[in-house]
Amino acid sequence: MFDVYRNDKRDFLVLSTGAAIPVACSRNKWRKSRKRVLKVSDEIKSAVQAQGYYLRSLRVASERMIEVE
């Protein structure tokens, strides 16, 4: 199982259940998702196994917003 966290900057952090937040990511204030995650994609699973965490930014770039409008 996996723990999912997010912060105010719309970043997304996935850890193994019970793992501590890595030092590289600890400067942000993370909020844990209330739902349990049983299954994740192969990309996320392999990153968690290799690094101990998976981090992705969900922010929309201002360039993309201009193209959409």
N, C-alpha and C. Protein backbone atom coordinates (compact mmCIF):
# COMPACT_ATOMS: atom_id res chain seq x y z
N MET A 1 0.84 -1.18 0.00
CA MET A 1 0.00 0.00 0.00
C MET A 1 0.88 1.24 0.00
N PHE A 2 0.28 2.36 -0.33
CA PHE A 2 1.02 3.60 -0.48
C PHE A 2 0.31 4.74 0.24
N ASP A 3 1.09 5.70 0.72
CA ASP A 3 0.57 6.93 1.31
C ASP A 3 0.75 8.03 0.27
N VAL A 4 -0.28 8.84 0.10
CA VAL A 4 -0.25 9.92 -0.88
C VAL A 4 -0.35 11.25 -0.14
N TYR A 5 0.54 12.18 -0.49
CA TYR A 5 0.57 13.51 0.12
C TYR A 5 0.48 14.56 -0.98
N ARG A 6 -0.03 15.74 -0.62
CA ARG A 6 -0.01 16.87 -1.54
C ARG A 6 0.26 18.13 -0.73
N ASN A 7 0.68 19.19 -1.43
CA ASN A 7 0.95 20.45 -0.74
C ASN A 7 0.21 21.59 -1.44
N ASP A 8 0.39 22.81 -0.94
CA ASP A 8 -0.33 23.96 -1.48
C ASP A 8 0.11 24.32 -2.89
N LYS A 9 1.29 23.88 -3.29
CA LYS A 9 1.80 24.18 -4.64
C LYS A 9 1.37 23.12 -5.65
N ARG A 10 0.46 22.27 -5.26
CA ARG A 10 -0.08 21.20 -6.10
C ARG A 10 0.98 20.18 -6.49
N ASP A 11 1.91 19.92 -5.57
CA ASP A 11 2.87 18.86 -5.78
C ASP A 11 2.30 17.57 -5.19
N PHE A 12 2.73 16.46 -5.71
CA PHE A 12 2.17 15.16 -5.41
C PHE A 12 3.32 14.26 -4.96
N LEU A 13 3.21 13.67 -3.76
CA LEU A 13 4.26 12.81 -3.21
C LEU A 13 3.67 11.47 -2.83
N VAL A 14 4.29 10.38 -3.30
CA VAL A 14 3.84 9.03 -2.98
C VAL A 14 4.96 8.31 -2.25
N LEU A 15 4.62 7.70 -1.10
CA LEU A 15 5.58 6.95 -0.29
C LEU A 15 5.01 5.58 0.03
N SER A 16 5.88 4.65 0.39
CA SER A 16 5.40 3.37 0.91
C SER A 16 4.69 3.63 2.24
N THR A 17 3.75 2.80 2.57
CA THR A 17 3.00 2.97 3.81
C THR A 17 3.95 2.98 5.01
N GLY A 18 3.84 4.01 5.83
CA GLY A 18 4.64 4.12 7.04
C GLY A 18 6.00 4.75 6.86
N ALA A 19 6.40 5.06 5.63
CA ALA A 19 7.71 5.67 5.39
C ALA A 19 7.68 7.16 5.76
N ALA A 20 8.83 7.67 6.20
CA ALA A 20 8.93 9.08 6.55
C ALA A 20 9.14 9.93 5.30
N ILE A 21 8.72 11.18 5.36
CA ILE A 21 8.91 12.10 4.24
C ILE A 21 10.40 12.37 4.08
N PRO A 22 10.95 12.23 2.85
CA PRO A 22 12.38 12.43 2.64
C PRO A 22 12.82 13.86 2.96
N VAL A 23 14.09 14.00 3.32
CA VAL A 23 14.64 15.31 3.68
C VAL A 23 14.53 16.29 2.52
N ALA A 24 14.72 15.80 1.29
CA ALA A 24 14.66 16.67 0.11
C ALA A 24 13.28 17.29 -0.07
N CYS A 25 12.25 16.62 0.43
CA CYS A 25 10.88 17.10 0.28
C CYS A 25 10.32 17.70 1.57
N SER A 26 11.07 17.71 2.65
CA SER A 26 10.53 18.08 3.95
C SER A 26 10.32 19.58 4.13
N ARG A 27 10.88 20.42 3.25
CA ARG A 27 10.71 21.86 3.45
C ARG A 27 9.29 22.33 3.12
N ASN A 28 8.54 21.56 2.37
CA ASN A 28 7.15 21.90 2.07
C ASN A 28 6.22 21.30 3.12
N LYS A 29 5.06 21.90 3.27
CA LYS A 29 4.07 21.39 4.20
C LYS A 29 3.18 20.41 3.45
N TRP A 30 3.27 19.14 3.79
CA TRP A 30 2.54 18.09 3.10
C TRP A 30 1.30 17.70 3.89
N ARG A 31 0.21 17.44 3.16
CA ARG A 31 -1.02 16.95 3.77
C ARG A 31 -1.31 15.56 3.22
N LYS A 32 -1.58 14.65 4.11
CA LYS A 32 -1.83 13.27 3.71
C LYS A 32 -3.25 13.10 3.21
N SER A 33 -3.40 12.36 2.13
CA SER A 33 -4.72 12.03 1.61
C SER A 33 -5.41 11.09 2.59
N ARG A 34 -6.68 11.23 2.74
CA ARG A 34 -7.41 10.39 3.70
C ARG A 34 -7.71 9.01 3.13
N LYS A 35 -7.69 8.89 1.81
CA LYS A 35 -8.00 7.62 1.19
C LYS A 35 -6.77 6.73 1.13
N ARG A 36 -6.99 5.44 1.28
CA ARG A 36 -5.90 4.48 1.12
C ARG A 36 -5.72 4.18 -0.35
N VAL A 37 -4.49 4.06 -0.76
CA VAL A 37 -4.19 3.75 -2.15
C VAL A 37 -3.61 2.34 -2.20
N LEU A 38 -4.31 1.47 -2.88
CA LEU A 38 -3.87 0.08 -2.95
C LEU A 38 -3.06 -0.20 -4.21
N LYS A 39 -3.35 0.53 -5.29
CA LYS A 39 -2.73 0.24 -6.56
C LYS A 39 -2.28 1.54 -7.22
N VAL A 40 -1.06 1.56 -7.73
CA VAL A 40 -0.53 2.72 -8.45
C VAL A 40 0.05 2.24 -9.77
N SER A 41 0.39 3.18 -10.64
CA SER A 41 0.94 2.81 -11.94
C SER A 41 2.32 2.17 -11.77
N ASP A 42 2.77 1.50 -12.81
CA ASP A 42 4.09 0.85 -12.77
C ASP A 42 5.20 1.87 -12.64
N GLU A 43 5.03 3.05 -13.24
CA GLU A 43 6.03 4.12 -13.15
C GLU A 43 6.22 4.56 -11.69
N ILE A 44 5.11 4.78 -11.00
CA ILE A 44 5.17 5.22 -9.61
C ILE A 44 5.74 4.11 -8.73
N LYS A 45 5.29 2.88 -8.95
CA LYS A 45 5.75 1.75 -8.15
C LYS A 45 7.26 1.55 -8.28
N SER A 46 7.79 1.65 -9.49
CA SER A 46 9.23 1.46 -9.69
C SER A 46 10.03 2.61 -9.09
N ALA A 47 9.51 3.84 -9.15
CA ALA A 47 10.20 4.98 -8.55
C ALA A 47 10.23 4.86 -7.03
N VAL A 48 9.15 4.41 -6.42
CA VAL A 48 9.10 4.23 -4.97
C VAL A 48 10.07 3.13 -4.54
N GLN A 49 10.16 2.08 -5.33
CA GLN A 49 11.10 1.00 -4.99
C GLN A 49 12.54 1.46 -5.13
N ALA A 50 12.84 2.26 -6.15
CA ALA A 50 14.22 2.68 -6.40
C ALA A 50 14.66 3.82 -5.48
N GLN A 51 13.82 4.87 -5.34
CA GLN A 51 14.18 6.06 -4.58
C GLN A 51 13.60 6.11 -3.19
N GLY A 52 12.51 5.41 -2.99
CA GLY A 52 11.81 5.47 -1.70
C GLY A 52 10.64 6.43 -1.75
N TYR A 53 10.52 7.19 -2.84
CA TYR A 53 9.40 8.12 -3.00
C TYR A 53 9.22 8.44 -4.48
N TYR A 54 8.04 9.01 -4.81
CA TYR A 54 7.75 9.51 -6.15
C TYR A 54 7.21 10.92 -5.98
N LEU A 55 7.77 11.87 -6.69
CA LEU A 55 7.37 13.27 -6.57
C LEU A 55 7.05 13.82 -7.94
N ARG A 56 5.88 14.48 -8.05
CA ARG A 56 5.49 15.08 -9.32
C ARG A 56 4.77 16.40 -9.05
N SER A 57 5.03 17.36 -9.90
CA SER A 57 4.37 18.65 -9.80
C SER A 57 3.13 18.64 -10.67
N LEU A 58 1.99 19.04 -10.12
CA LEU A 58 0.74 19.07 -10.87
C LEU A 58 0.37 20.49 -11.29
N ARG A 59 1.31 21.42 -11.13
CA ARG A 59 1.03 22.81 -11.48
C ARG A 59 0.88 22.97 -12.98
N VAL A 60 -0.03 23.84 -13.38
CA VAL A 60 -0.23 24.14 -14.79
C VAL A 60 0.67 25.32 -15.12
N ALA A 61 1.50 25.14 -16.13
CA ALA A 61 2.41 26.21 -16.53
C ALA A 61 1.61 27.35 -17.15
N SER A 62 2.06 28.57 -16.94
CA SER A 62 1.35 29.73 -17.49
C SER A 62 1.34 29.70 -19.00
N GLU A 63 2.35 29.09 -19.62
CA GLU A 63 2.38 28.98 -21.07
C GLU A 63 1.23 28.13 -21.58
N ARG A 64 0.95 27.03 -20.89
CA ARG A 64 -0.16 26.17 -21.30
C ARG A 64 -1.49 26.87 -21.14
N MET A 65 -1.65 27.67 -20.10
CA MET A 65 -2.90 28.39 -19.89
C MET A 65 -3.13 29.39 -21.01
N ILE A 66 -2.10 30.02 -21.49
CA ILE A 66 -2.24 30.98 -22.58
C ILE A 66 -2.65 30.28 -23.86
N GLU A 67 -2.07 29.09 -24.14
CA GLU A 67 -2.41 28.34 -25.35
C GLU A 67 -3.86 27.87 -25.33
N VAL A 68 -4.36 27.50 -24.17
CA VAL A 68 -5.73 27.00 -24.06
C VAL A 68 -6.74 28.10 -24.30
N GLU A 69 -6.46 29.29 -23.82
CA GLU A 69 -7.40 30.39 -23.95
C GLU A 69 -7.50 30.88 -25.34
